[in-house]
Structures are given as structure tokens and as C-alpha cells.
Amino acid sequence: MLTLKTLKKIFCLITTLGLLITSSLSQAANTTLIMQTELGNIEIALYSDQAPISSANFLRYVQANGFDGGEFYRVVRLDNDNGTPKIEVIQGGANPEFTDYPPIPLETTKATGIKHLDGTISMARDTPDSATSAFFICIGEQPSLDFGGQRNKDGQGFAAFGRVTKGMDIVRKIHQIRDAAKTDEDYTQGQILQHPVKILSVKESRD
């Protein structure tokens, strides 16, 4: 017997899913974004046709200026990664003062066909269906982040939804920053930046 609390959660999930799909369908198949950081610009193509939920989620933060004042706060390299298998990514998120939208359903790489290759942008998460505003960009191929990969114990992988088309030199510059702050979490020791790289704005390209 479903409880009232469970029914409310299901209703919320269905409502969010419907909103995201409707929003995505109104977008061009491959929306281009310009992410301005204090180190330079990163151009990102969103694959709205293949990953409609994740793309629409990212776009609603963009359209609400949620990433303005955000930051790249985590760098994961072979020399500081305590996970298995090791990966190489940079992780960012919305302005800390921006209130996140509700979590979205997980779009696996098995469903979308978008693999974690060099420059792929993907949603960060803990458990499945928990992604909000945090995202990461891959440096090199990262197959352990795909569906069935061993990086996450649940085997579902992460939701890739686009890729960097220009500005990988900026991504790599951020990736090489060695400015680690102390943290109590063993798995992120040496990864959290003491001085995060600021995201000044993220806008849809009008070209």
C-alpha cells in the first residue's frame, strides 16, 4: 500500500519530468552556451535531442542566471584521486546563494548514447535521481563514468548531456590548478580548491 508521502514524491517526480521534457522540446536540438569564467570562455553544446531531461535542467539554471557567480571548485587528477578507477574531471556548480531546483531523474549513457569522452559535460550526483546544479567536464575519455562503469557502486553511471566545443584549453588550465584546501572527506582530499575559479556568466549563444 502506497503511503501519502510516497504518492506525493511520485507526483512531484512526474510533474518535474513533464516540465523538463516540455521545456526541452521548445529548445533547438543542440543549444550552444557561452560560459564566461575568470580564466576565459568555454563554449558548450547541449544535446537536447539525446538528453532532454538533463539539458533542460541545465538550461533552466542558465535562464534563471543561477550559474552567474558560480564556481569550479573541484579538480580531480590521477595524482589526487582516491577513487577506483581513477578519473580526470573538473567540477562546478551554481552560485552558492542560488536555491537549487528539485533533483531530476537520471538519464544514463545507455539511454542517451552520449559517452564520457574528452570535453563531455555531465551531471554530478550522489544517488540516482539526485542531480541538481552540480556538473563536471571530462578531461580525456572516462568510460568508468558510463552506464555499467565501476566508478559508482550502483553501476548506473552519470548523465552526460553535452560537450565543450571551444575552450578546452581553459578547462585544462583549471584542471592543473594546485590550490587544494583542507577537507574532512577522505575521497576529496587534495581536490577541493582553496580559491575556486569563478563562473562570471553562462548565456545562450545568439550566433
N, C-alpha and C. Protein backbone atom coordinates (compact mmCIF):
# COMPACT_ATOMS: atom_id res chain seq x y z
N MET A 1 0.85 -1.19 0.00
CA MET A 1 0.00 0.00 0.00
C MET A 1 0.89 1.24 0.00
N LEU A 2 0.69 2.10 -0.95
CA LEU A 2 1.49 3.31 -1.04
C LEU A 2 1.03 4.32 0.01
N THR A 3 1.99 4.91 0.70
CA THR A 3 1.67 5.93 1.69
C THR A 3 1.45 7.26 1.00
N LEU A 4 0.84 8.21 1.73
CA LEU A 4 0.60 9.54 1.18
C LEU A 4 1.91 10.22 0.85
N LYS A 5 2.93 10.01 1.69
CA LYS A 5 4.24 10.61 1.47
C LYS A 5 4.86 10.10 0.17
N THR A 6 4.72 8.78 -0.07
CA THR A 6 5.26 8.19 -1.29
C THR A 6 4.53 8.70 -2.52
N LEU A 7 3.21 8.81 -2.42
CA LEU A 7 2.41 9.31 -3.54
C LEU A 7 2.78 10.75 -3.88
N LYS A 8 3.05 11.56 -2.86
CA LYS A 8 3.45 12.95 -3.10
C LYS A 8 4.78 13.01 -3.83
N LYS A 9 5.73 12.12 -3.45
CA LYS A 9 7.03 12.08 -4.10
C LYS A 9 6.89 11.68 -5.57
N ILE A 10 6.03 10.69 -5.82
CA ILE A 10 5.81 10.24 -7.20
C ILE A 10 5.19 11.37 -8.03
N PHE A 11 4.23 12.07 -7.46
CA PHE A 11 3.58 13.18 -8.17
C PHE A 11 4.58 14.27 -8.48
N CYS A 12 5.45 14.59 -7.50
CA CYS A 12 6.47 15.62 -7.71
C CYS A 12 7.43 15.23 -8.83
N LEU A 13 7.83 13.95 -8.85
CA LEU A 13 8.75 13.46 -9.87
C LEU A 13 8.12 13.54 -11.25
N ILE A 14 6.84 13.13 -11.36
CA ILE A 14 6.14 13.16 -12.64
C ILE A 14 5.98 14.59 -13.13
N THR A 15 5.64 15.50 -12.21
CA THR A 15 5.48 16.91 -12.57
C THR A 15 6.78 17.51 -13.07
N THR A 16 7.88 17.22 -12.35
CA THR A 16 9.19 17.74 -12.74
C THR A 16 9.60 17.18 -14.09
N LEU A 17 9.40 15.89 -14.30
CA LEU A 17 9.75 15.25 -15.57
C LEU A 17 8.99 15.88 -16.72
N GLY A 18 7.68 16.11 -16.53
CA GLY A 18 6.87 16.72 -17.58
C GLY A 18 7.32 18.12 -17.91
N LEU A 19 7.68 18.88 -16.87
CA LEU A 19 8.16 20.25 -17.07
C LEU A 19 9.45 20.28 -17.87
N LEU A 20 10.37 19.38 -17.51
CA LEU A 20 11.67 19.36 -18.17
C LEU A 20 11.55 18.95 -19.63
N ILE A 21 10.73 17.94 -19.90
CA ILE A 21 10.57 17.48 -21.27
C ILE A 21 9.91 18.57 -22.13
N THR A 22 8.90 19.23 -21.58
CA THR A 22 8.22 20.30 -22.30
C THR A 22 9.18 21.44 -22.61
N SER A 23 9.99 21.80 -21.60
CA SER A 23 10.98 22.86 -21.79
C SER A 23 11.99 22.48 -22.85
N SER A 24 12.43 21.23 -22.82
CA SER A 24 13.46 20.77 -23.75
C SER A 24 12.95 20.78 -25.18
N LEU A 25 11.70 20.38 -25.37
CA LEU A 25 11.15 20.30 -26.71
C LEU A 25 11.06 21.67 -27.37
N SER A 26 11.05 22.73 -26.55
CA SER A 26 10.97 24.07 -27.10
C SER A 26 12.33 24.61 -27.50
N GLN A 27 13.39 23.86 -27.18
CA GLN A 27 14.75 24.30 -27.48
C GLN A 27 15.23 23.70 -28.80
N ALA A 28 16.23 24.34 -29.39
CA ALA A 28 16.85 23.77 -30.57
C ALA A 28 17.54 22.47 -30.18
N ALA A 29 17.72 21.58 -31.15
CA ALA A 29 18.30 20.27 -30.85
C ALA A 29 19.64 20.38 -30.14
N ASN A 30 20.50 21.26 -30.61
CA ASN A 30 21.81 21.44 -29.99
C ASN A 30 22.01 22.91 -29.63
N THR A 31 21.62 23.27 -28.42
CA THR A 31 21.78 24.64 -27.94
C THR A 31 23.25 24.90 -27.60
N THR A 32 23.75 26.06 -27.98
CA THR A 32 25.12 26.43 -27.66
C THR A 32 25.14 27.46 -26.54
N LEU A 33 26.00 27.23 -25.55
CA LEU A 33 26.14 28.14 -24.41
C LEU A 33 27.55 28.70 -24.37
N ILE A 34 27.67 29.92 -23.88
CA ILE A 34 28.97 30.53 -23.63
C ILE A 34 29.12 30.69 -22.13
N MET A 35 30.07 29.96 -21.56
CA MET A 35 30.35 30.04 -20.13
C MET A 35 31.58 30.93 -19.95
N GLN A 36 31.37 32.09 -19.37
CA GLN A 36 32.47 33.02 -19.15
C GLN A 36 33.05 32.79 -17.75
N THR A 37 34.33 32.44 -17.69
CA THR A 37 34.99 32.26 -16.40
C THR A 37 36.07 33.33 -16.26
N GLU A 38 36.62 33.45 -15.07
CA GLU A 38 37.66 34.45 -14.87
C GLU A 38 38.96 34.09 -15.59
N LEU A 39 39.07 32.87 -16.11
CA LEU A 39 40.25 32.46 -16.86
C LEU A 39 40.02 32.45 -18.37
N GLY A 40 38.78 32.66 -18.80
CA GLY A 40 38.47 32.64 -20.23
C GLY A 40 37.13 31.96 -20.49
N ASN A 41 36.72 31.95 -21.75
CA ASN A 41 35.41 31.42 -22.12
C ASN A 41 35.45 29.95 -22.51
N ILE A 42 34.36 29.26 -22.18
CA ILE A 42 34.17 27.85 -22.55
C ILE A 42 32.86 27.76 -23.31
N GLU A 43 32.90 27.25 -24.54
CA GLU A 43 31.68 27.08 -25.34
C GLU A 43 31.19 25.65 -25.21
N ILE A 44 29.90 25.50 -24.94
CA ILE A 44 29.31 24.18 -24.67
C ILE A 44 28.11 23.95 -25.56
N ALA A 45 28.05 22.80 -26.20
CA ALA A 45 26.88 22.38 -26.98
C ALA A 45 26.08 21.40 -26.15
N LEU A 46 24.79 21.68 -25.95
CA LEU A 46 23.90 20.77 -25.23
C LEU A 46 23.20 19.86 -26.22
N TYR A 47 23.16 18.57 -25.91
CA TYR A 47 22.50 17.59 -26.78
C TYR A 47 21.07 17.36 -26.30
N SER A 48 20.23 18.36 -26.54
CA SER A 48 18.85 18.32 -26.04
C SER A 48 18.03 17.21 -26.66
N ASP A 49 18.40 16.82 -27.90
CA ASP A 49 17.65 15.75 -28.56
C ASP A 49 17.94 14.39 -27.93
N GLN A 50 19.17 14.17 -27.49
CA GLN A 50 19.55 12.88 -26.90
C GLN A 50 19.35 12.83 -25.39
N ALA A 51 19.55 13.96 -24.73
CA ALA A 51 19.43 14.00 -23.26
C ALA A 51 18.51 15.16 -22.87
N PRO A 52 17.21 15.04 -23.15
CA PRO A 52 16.29 16.16 -22.95
C PRO A 52 16.13 16.59 -21.49
N ILE A 53 16.14 15.65 -20.56
CA ILE A 53 15.91 16.00 -19.15
C ILE A 53 17.09 16.77 -18.58
N SER A 54 18.29 16.25 -18.76
CA SER A 54 19.49 16.88 -18.21
C SER A 54 19.76 18.23 -18.89
N SER A 55 19.57 18.30 -20.21
CA SER A 55 19.78 19.55 -20.93
C SER A 55 18.80 20.63 -20.48
N ALA A 56 17.53 20.26 -20.35
CA ALA A 56 16.53 21.23 -19.91
C ALA A 56 16.79 21.68 -18.48
N ASN A 57 17.27 20.77 -17.65
CA ASN A 57 17.61 21.15 -16.28
C ASN A 57 18.73 22.18 -16.27
N PHE A 58 19.78 21.93 -17.05
CA PHE A 58 20.91 22.86 -17.11
C PHE A 58 20.45 24.22 -17.64
N LEU A 59 19.60 24.19 -18.66
CA LEU A 59 19.12 25.43 -19.27
C LEU A 59 18.27 26.25 -18.31
N ARG A 60 17.52 25.61 -17.45
CA ARG A 60 16.69 26.42 -16.54
C ARG A 60 17.55 27.16 -15.53
N TYR A 61 18.70 26.57 -15.16
CA TYR A 61 19.64 27.32 -14.31
C TYR A 61 20.25 28.48 -15.09
N VAL A 62 20.59 28.23 -16.36
CA VAL A 62 21.14 29.29 -17.20
C VAL A 62 20.15 30.44 -17.34
N GLN A 63 18.91 30.11 -17.65
CA GLN A 63 17.90 31.13 -17.90
C GLN A 63 17.51 31.89 -16.63
N ALA A 64 17.76 31.29 -15.47
CA ALA A 64 17.50 31.96 -14.20
C ALA A 64 18.75 32.64 -13.64
N ASN A 65 19.83 32.65 -14.46
CA ASN A 65 21.12 33.22 -14.05
C ASN A 65 21.71 32.52 -12.82
N GLY A 66 21.35 31.27 -12.66
CA GLY A 66 21.81 30.52 -11.50
C GLY A 66 23.29 30.24 -11.47
N PHE A 67 23.92 30.18 -12.66
CA PHE A 67 25.36 29.91 -12.71
C PHE A 67 26.20 31.19 -12.62
N ASP A 68 25.56 32.35 -12.73
CA ASP A 68 26.30 33.62 -12.61
C ASP A 68 26.78 33.76 -11.17
N GLY A 69 28.09 33.82 -10.99
CA GLY A 69 28.63 33.84 -9.64
C GLY A 69 28.89 32.45 -9.10
N GLY A 70 28.71 31.44 -9.97
CA GLY A 70 29.04 30.07 -9.59
C GLY A 70 30.55 29.87 -9.62
N GLU A 71 30.98 28.62 -9.54
CA GLU A 71 32.43 28.39 -9.49
C GLU A 71 32.79 26.95 -9.83
N PHE A 72 34.01 26.80 -10.35
CA PHE A 72 34.64 25.49 -10.46
C PHE A 72 35.44 25.31 -9.16
N TYR A 73 35.03 24.35 -8.38
CA TYR A 73 35.57 24.21 -7.02
C TYR A 73 36.31 22.90 -6.77
N ARG A 74 36.30 22.00 -7.75
CA ARG A 74 36.93 20.69 -7.53
C ARG A 74 37.68 20.27 -8.78
N VAL A 75 38.90 19.82 -8.62
CA VAL A 75 39.68 19.27 -9.73
C VAL A 75 40.14 17.86 -9.35
N VAL A 76 39.88 16.91 -10.23
CA VAL A 76 40.24 15.51 -9.97
C VAL A 76 41.24 15.07 -11.03
N ARG A 77 42.43 14.68 -10.58
CA ARG A 77 43.51 14.23 -11.46
C ARG A 77 44.01 12.87 -10.99
N LEU A 78 44.83 12.26 -11.82
CA LEU A 78 45.39 10.97 -11.44
C LEU A 78 46.22 11.07 -10.17
N ASP A 79 46.83 12.25 -9.95
CA ASP A 79 47.71 12.39 -8.79
C ASP A 79 46.99 12.74 -7.49
N ASN A 80 45.66 13.00 -7.56
CA ASN A 80 44.95 13.32 -6.31
C ASN A 80 43.65 12.55 -6.14
N ASP A 81 43.41 11.60 -7.04
CA ASP A 81 42.15 10.84 -7.00
C ASP A 81 42.31 9.59 -6.13
N ASN A 82 41.43 9.50 -5.14
CA ASN A 82 41.43 8.34 -4.26
C ASN A 82 40.36 7.31 -4.64
N GLY A 83 39.63 7.59 -5.71
CA GLY A 83 38.59 6.65 -6.14
C GLY A 83 39.13 5.56 -7.04
N THR A 84 38.25 4.61 -7.38
CA THR A 84 38.62 3.50 -8.25
C THR A 84 37.48 3.24 -9.24
N PRO A 85 37.79 3.20 -10.55
CA PRO A 85 39.04 3.59 -11.20
C PRO A 85 39.27 5.10 -11.09
N LYS A 86 40.49 5.53 -11.29
CA LYS A 86 40.79 6.95 -11.23
C LYS A 86 40.19 7.67 -12.43
N ILE A 87 39.81 8.93 -12.22
CA ILE A 87 39.23 9.73 -13.29
C ILE A 87 39.91 11.10 -13.32
N GLU A 88 39.63 11.86 -14.39
CA GLU A 88 40.12 13.23 -14.50
C GLU A 88 38.99 14.13 -14.99
N VAL A 89 38.54 15.02 -14.09
CA VAL A 89 37.44 15.93 -14.37
C VAL A 89 37.64 17.23 -13.60
N ILE A 90 36.90 18.27 -14.02
CA ILE A 90 36.74 19.44 -13.18
C ILE A 90 35.25 19.56 -12.86
N GLN A 91 34.93 19.96 -11.64
CA GLN A 91 33.54 20.02 -11.21
C GLN A 91 33.17 21.44 -10.81
N GLY A 92 31.97 21.85 -11.25
CA GLY A 92 31.48 23.19 -10.93
C GLY A 92 30.02 23.15 -10.53
N GLY A 93 29.49 24.34 -10.25
CA GLY A 93 28.10 24.40 -9.84
C GLY A 93 27.58 25.83 -9.84
N ALA A 94 26.34 25.98 -9.43
CA ALA A 94 25.66 27.27 -9.42
C ALA A 94 26.19 28.17 -8.32
N ASN A 95 25.78 29.40 -8.36
CA ASN A 95 26.09 30.36 -7.30
C ASN A 95 25.64 29.76 -5.97
N PRO A 96 26.52 29.74 -4.96
CA PRO A 96 26.16 29.14 -3.67
C PRO A 96 24.91 29.75 -3.04
N GLU A 97 24.57 30.98 -3.43
CA GLU A 97 23.39 31.64 -2.87
C GLU A 97 22.13 31.33 -3.65
N PHE A 98 22.27 30.64 -4.79
CA PHE A 98 21.11 30.28 -5.60
C PHE A 98 20.48 29.01 -5.05
N THR A 99 19.17 29.02 -4.89
CA THR A 99 18.46 27.84 -4.38
C THR A 99 18.25 26.84 -5.50
N ASP A 100 18.79 25.64 -5.33
CA ASP A 100 18.68 24.61 -6.36
C ASP A 100 17.23 24.22 -6.61
N TYR A 101 16.97 23.84 -7.86
CA TYR A 101 15.68 23.26 -8.21
C TYR A 101 15.63 21.82 -7.70
N PRO A 102 14.46 21.19 -7.68
CA PRO A 102 14.38 19.79 -7.24
C PRO A 102 15.24 18.87 -8.11
N PRO A 103 15.71 17.77 -7.56
CA PRO A 103 16.55 16.81 -8.33
C PRO A 103 15.80 16.27 -9.54
N ILE A 104 16.57 15.82 -10.53
CA ILE A 104 15.99 15.30 -11.76
C ILE A 104 16.25 13.80 -11.90
N PRO A 105 15.44 13.10 -12.69
CA PRO A 105 15.69 11.68 -12.97
C PRO A 105 17.01 11.49 -13.70
N LEU A 106 17.67 10.39 -13.45
CA LEU A 106 18.96 10.09 -14.07
C LEU A 106 18.77 9.59 -15.50
N GLU A 107 19.41 10.28 -16.45
CA GLU A 107 19.46 9.83 -17.85
C GLU A 107 20.80 9.12 -18.05
N THR A 108 20.78 7.82 -18.13
CA THR A 108 22.03 7.07 -18.25
C THR A 108 22.60 7.16 -19.66
N THR A 109 23.89 6.86 -19.77
CA THR A 109 24.51 6.84 -21.10
C THR A 109 23.96 5.70 -21.95
N LYS A 110 23.44 4.68 -21.29
CA LYS A 110 22.80 3.58 -22.05
C LYS A 110 21.56 4.09 -22.76
N ALA A 111 20.84 5.02 -22.13
CA ALA A 111 19.61 5.57 -22.71
C ALA A 111 19.91 6.65 -23.74
N THR A 112 20.95 7.46 -23.50
CA THR A 112 21.21 8.60 -24.38
C THR A 112 22.23 8.32 -25.47
N GLY A 113 23.14 7.40 -25.22
CA GLY A 113 24.20 7.12 -26.17
C GLY A 113 25.35 8.12 -26.13
N ILE A 114 25.32 9.04 -25.17
CA ILE A 114 26.38 10.04 -25.05
C ILE A 114 27.44 9.53 -24.07
N LYS A 115 28.61 9.25 -24.55
CA LYS A 115 29.67 8.70 -23.71
C LYS A 115 30.50 9.80 -23.05
N HIS A 116 31.20 9.42 -22.00
CA HIS A 116 32.06 10.36 -21.30
C HIS A 116 33.43 10.40 -21.99
N LEU A 117 33.53 11.27 -22.99
CA LEU A 117 34.76 11.44 -23.77
C LEU A 117 35.41 12.77 -23.38
N ASP A 118 36.53 13.08 -23.99
CA ASP A 118 37.21 14.34 -23.71
C ASP A 118 36.28 15.51 -24.00
N GLY A 119 36.05 16.37 -22.99
CA GLY A 119 35.19 17.53 -23.17
C GLY A 119 33.72 17.30 -22.87
N THR A 120 33.32 16.08 -22.57
CA THR A 120 31.91 15.81 -22.25
C THR A 120 31.52 16.52 -20.96
N ILE A 121 30.33 17.14 -20.94
CA ILE A 121 29.78 17.73 -19.73
C ILE A 121 28.67 16.83 -19.22
N SER A 122 28.64 16.62 -17.90
CA SER A 122 27.75 15.63 -17.31
C SER A 122 27.29 16.11 -15.94
N MET A 123 26.18 15.57 -15.47
CA MET A 123 25.64 15.95 -14.18
C MET A 123 26.33 15.18 -13.05
N ALA A 124 26.77 15.93 -12.03
CA ALA A 124 27.30 15.29 -10.82
C ALA A 124 26.12 14.81 -9.97
N ARG A 125 26.34 13.77 -9.20
CA ARG A 125 25.26 13.24 -8.37
C ARG A 125 25.83 12.39 -7.25
N ASP A 126 24.96 12.06 -6.28
CA ASP A 126 25.28 11.05 -5.27
C ASP A 126 24.53 9.78 -5.65
N THR A 127 23.30 9.65 -5.17
CA THR A 127 22.47 8.51 -5.53
C THR A 127 21.76 8.79 -6.86
N PRO A 128 21.21 7.77 -7.53
CA PRO A 128 20.44 8.02 -8.75
C PRO A 128 19.29 9.00 -8.48
N ASP A 129 18.97 9.81 -9.47
CA ASP A 129 17.87 10.78 -9.38
C ASP A 129 18.12 11.85 -8.32
N SER A 130 19.38 12.23 -8.13
CA SER A 130 19.69 13.25 -7.12
C SER A 130 20.40 14.47 -7.69
N ALA A 131 20.63 14.51 -9.01
CA ALA A 131 21.36 15.63 -9.61
C ALA A 131 20.55 16.92 -9.56
N THR A 132 21.23 18.03 -9.26
CA THR A 132 20.57 19.34 -9.25
C THR A 132 21.36 20.30 -10.15
N SER A 133 22.30 21.08 -9.58
CA SER A 133 23.04 22.06 -10.37
C SER A 133 24.50 21.71 -10.58
N ALA A 134 25.06 20.80 -9.80
CA ALA A 134 26.48 20.47 -9.92
C ALA A 134 26.74 19.68 -11.20
N PHE A 135 27.85 19.98 -11.87
CA PHE A 135 28.19 19.33 -13.13
C PHE A 135 29.70 19.13 -13.18
N PHE A 136 30.15 18.34 -14.15
CA PHE A 136 31.58 18.18 -14.35
C PHE A 136 31.89 18.07 -15.83
N ILE A 137 33.16 18.38 -16.16
CA ILE A 137 33.65 18.28 -17.53
C ILE A 137 34.81 17.29 -17.55
N CYS A 138 34.78 16.35 -18.48
CA CYS A 138 35.80 15.31 -18.56
C CYS A 138 37.07 15.81 -19.25
N ILE A 139 38.20 15.37 -18.74
CA ILE A 139 39.49 15.56 -19.39
C ILE A 139 39.95 14.19 -19.84
N GLY A 140 39.92 13.95 -21.14
CA GLY A 140 40.20 12.62 -21.67
C GLY A 140 38.99 11.71 -21.56
N GLU A 141 39.09 10.51 -22.11
CA GLU A 141 38.00 9.55 -22.06
C GLU A 141 37.86 8.98 -20.65
N GLN A 142 36.60 8.88 -20.18
CA GLN A 142 36.33 8.39 -18.83
C GLN A 142 35.23 7.32 -18.87
N PRO A 143 35.52 6.14 -19.42
CA PRO A 143 34.49 5.11 -19.56
C PRO A 143 33.92 4.60 -18.25
N SER A 144 34.66 4.76 -17.15
CA SER A 144 34.15 4.28 -15.86
C SER A 144 32.97 5.12 -15.37
N LEU A 145 32.70 6.26 -16.04
CA LEU A 145 31.57 7.11 -15.67
C LEU A 145 30.32 6.79 -16.48
N ASP A 146 30.48 5.92 -17.50
CA ASP A 146 29.33 5.50 -18.31
C ASP A 146 28.50 4.46 -17.56
N PHE A 147 27.31 4.16 -18.10
CA PHE A 147 26.46 3.12 -17.55
C PHE A 147 27.24 1.80 -17.51
N GLY A 148 27.20 1.13 -16.37
CA GLY A 148 27.94 -0.11 -16.20
C GLY A 148 29.37 0.09 -15.75
N GLY A 149 29.82 1.35 -15.68
CA GLY A 149 31.17 1.65 -15.23
C GLY A 149 31.33 1.40 -13.74
N GLN A 150 32.56 1.26 -13.32
CA GLN A 150 32.84 0.87 -11.94
C GLN A 150 33.06 2.05 -10.99
N ARG A 151 33.05 3.26 -11.51
CA ARG A 151 33.32 4.41 -10.63
C ARG A 151 32.25 4.57 -9.56
N ASN A 152 30.98 4.35 -9.93
CA ASN A 152 29.90 4.44 -8.96
C ASN A 152 29.39 3.04 -8.65
N LYS A 153 29.24 2.74 -7.39
CA LYS A 153 28.89 1.37 -6.98
C LYS A 153 27.54 0.91 -7.52
N ASP A 154 26.63 1.86 -7.80
CA ASP A 154 25.31 1.43 -8.28
C ASP A 154 25.33 1.05 -9.76
N GLY A 155 26.44 1.32 -10.45
CA GLY A 155 26.58 0.89 -11.84
C GLY A 155 25.77 1.66 -12.85
N GLN A 156 25.08 2.72 -12.42
CA GLN A 156 24.22 3.48 -13.33
C GLN A 156 24.98 4.57 -14.08
N GLY A 157 26.18 4.89 -13.63
CA GLY A 157 26.95 5.93 -14.28
C GLY A 157 26.38 7.31 -14.07
N PHE A 158 26.79 8.24 -14.91
CA PHE A 158 26.37 9.64 -14.78
C PHE A 158 25.68 10.10 -16.06
N ALA A 159 24.98 11.23 -15.96
CA ALA A 159 24.16 11.71 -17.08
C ALA A 159 24.91 12.72 -17.93
N ALA A 160 25.54 12.24 -18.99
CA ALA A 160 26.21 13.12 -19.95
C ALA A 160 25.15 13.80 -20.81
N PHE A 161 25.35 15.10 -21.09
CA PHE A 161 24.31 15.81 -21.84
C PHE A 161 24.85 16.83 -22.83
N GLY A 162 26.16 16.88 -23.04
CA GLY A 162 26.73 17.82 -24.00
C GLY A 162 28.24 17.73 -24.02
N ARG A 163 28.88 18.67 -24.70
CA ARG A 163 30.34 18.66 -24.74
C ARG A 163 30.88 20.06 -25.00
N VAL A 164 32.12 20.26 -24.61
CA VAL A 164 32.82 21.51 -24.87
C VAL A 164 33.24 21.54 -26.33
N THR A 165 32.87 22.58 -27.04
CA THR A 165 33.24 22.72 -28.45
C THR A 165 34.38 23.72 -28.66
N LYS A 166 34.54 24.64 -27.72
CA LYS A 166 35.66 25.58 -27.73
C LYS A 166 36.05 25.86 -26.28
N GLY A 167 37.34 26.05 -26.06
CA GLY A 167 37.78 26.42 -24.71
C GLY A 167 38.30 25.28 -23.88
N MET A 168 38.66 24.16 -24.50
CA MET A 168 39.25 23.07 -23.71
C MET A 168 40.59 23.47 -23.11
N ASP A 169 41.23 24.49 -23.70
CA ASP A 169 42.47 24.99 -23.09
C ASP A 169 42.18 25.61 -21.73
N ILE A 170 41.01 26.25 -21.58
CA ILE A 170 40.61 26.82 -20.29
C ILE A 170 40.28 25.70 -19.30
N VAL A 171 39.59 24.69 -19.79
CA VAL A 171 39.25 23.53 -18.95
C VAL A 171 40.53 22.89 -18.41
N ARG A 172 41.51 22.70 -19.28
CA ARG A 172 42.77 22.07 -18.87
C ARG A 172 43.57 22.97 -17.92
N LYS A 173 43.45 24.26 -18.12
CA LYS A 173 44.14 25.20 -17.22
C LYS A 173 43.56 25.09 -15.80
N ILE A 174 42.22 25.02 -15.72
CA ILE A 174 41.57 24.83 -14.41
C ILE A 174 41.99 23.50 -13.81
N HIS A 175 42.05 22.47 -14.66
CA HIS A 175 42.38 21.12 -14.19
C HIS A 175 43.76 21.03 -13.56
N GLN A 176 44.66 21.89 -13.98
CA GLN A 176 46.02 21.84 -13.48
C GLN A 176 46.27 22.75 -12.27
N ILE A 177 45.23 23.41 -11.79
CA ILE A 177 45.39 24.27 -10.60
C ILE A 177 45.68 23.40 -9.38
N ARG A 178 46.73 23.73 -8.67
CA ARG A 178 47.09 23.01 -7.44
C ARG A 178 46.98 23.98 -6.27
N ASP A 179 45.78 24.06 -5.76
CA ASP A 179 45.45 25.03 -4.72
C ASP A 179 44.48 24.39 -3.73
N ALA A 180 44.80 23.18 -3.31
CA ALA A 180 43.86 22.40 -2.53
C ALA A 180 43.64 22.97 -1.13
N ALA A 181 42.39 23.00 -0.72
CA ALA A 181 42.03 23.36 0.65
C ALA A 181 41.90 22.09 1.48
N LYS A 182 41.97 22.21 2.76
CA LYS A 182 41.78 21.05 3.62
C LYS A 182 40.31 20.65 3.62
N THR A 183 40.06 19.36 3.66
CA THR A 183 38.69 18.86 3.74
C THR A 183 38.66 17.62 4.61
N ASP A 184 37.54 17.41 5.26
CA ASP A 184 37.41 16.25 6.16
C ASP A 184 37.03 14.98 5.42
N GLU A 185 36.67 15.11 4.13
CA GLU A 185 36.24 13.95 3.36
C GLU A 185 37.45 13.31 2.67
N ASP A 186 37.75 12.08 3.03
CA ASP A 186 38.94 11.42 2.51
C ASP A 186 38.97 11.36 0.99
N TYR A 187 37.82 11.12 0.36
CA TYR A 187 37.83 10.89 -1.09
C TYR A 187 38.04 12.18 -1.87
N THR A 188 37.91 13.35 -1.22
CA THR A 188 38.15 14.61 -1.92
C THR A 188 39.41 15.32 -1.41
N GLN A 189 40.22 14.65 -0.63
CA GLN A 189 41.45 15.27 -0.16
C GLN A 189 42.31 15.68 -1.35
N GLY A 190 42.72 16.95 -1.37
CA GLY A 190 43.56 17.45 -2.45
C GLY A 190 42.80 17.85 -3.70
N GLN A 191 41.46 17.79 -3.68
CA GLN A 191 40.66 18.08 -4.87
C GLN A 191 39.87 19.39 -4.77
N ILE A 192 39.48 19.79 -3.58
CA ILE A 192 38.68 20.99 -3.39
C ILE A 192 39.60 22.22 -3.38
N LEU A 193 39.31 23.19 -4.25
CA LEU A 193 40.18 24.36 -4.39
C LEU A 193 39.97 25.36 -3.26
N GLN A 194 41.07 25.87 -2.77
CA GLN A 194 41.00 26.91 -1.76
C GLN A 194 40.47 28.21 -2.37
N HIS A 195 40.83 28.45 -3.62
CA HIS A 195 40.35 29.63 -4.35
C HIS A 195 39.67 29.14 -5.63
N PRO A 196 38.38 28.83 -5.57
CA PRO A 196 37.66 28.32 -6.75
C PRO A 196 37.72 29.31 -7.91
N VAL A 197 37.62 28.76 -9.13
CA VAL A 197 37.59 29.59 -10.33
C VAL A 197 36.16 30.08 -10.55
N LYS A 198 35.99 31.38 -10.59
CA LYS A 198 34.67 31.96 -10.70
C LYS A 198 34.06 31.78 -12.09
N ILE A 199 32.77 31.44 -12.10
CA ILE A 199 31.97 31.46 -13.32
C ILE A 199 31.25 32.81 -13.33
N LEU A 200 31.60 33.66 -14.28
CA LEU A 200 31.03 35.01 -14.31
C LEU A 200 29.61 35.01 -14.87
N SER A 201 29.38 34.22 -15.92
CA SER A 201 28.05 34.12 -16.50
C SER A 201 27.99 32.92 -17.43
N VAL A 202 26.76 32.45 -17.68
CA VAL A 202 26.51 31.44 -18.70
C VAL A 202 25.31 31.91 -19.50
N LYS A 203 25.50 32.11 -20.80
CA LYS A 203 24.44 32.64 -21.65
C LYS A 203 24.27 31.77 -22.89
N GLU A 204 23.06 31.77 -23.44
CA GLU A 204 22.82 31.09 -24.70
C GLU A 204 23.44 31.91 -25.83
N SER A 205 24.13 31.23 -26.74
CA SER A 205 24.75 31.91 -27.87
C SER A 205 23.67 32.34 -28.85
N ARG A 206 23.80 33.56 -29.36
CA ARG A 206 22.81 34.10 -30.30
C ARG A 206 23.30 34.02 -31.73
N ASP A 207 24.48 33.43 -31.94
CA ASP A 207 25.03 33.33 -33.30
C ASP A 207 24.30 32.29 -34.12
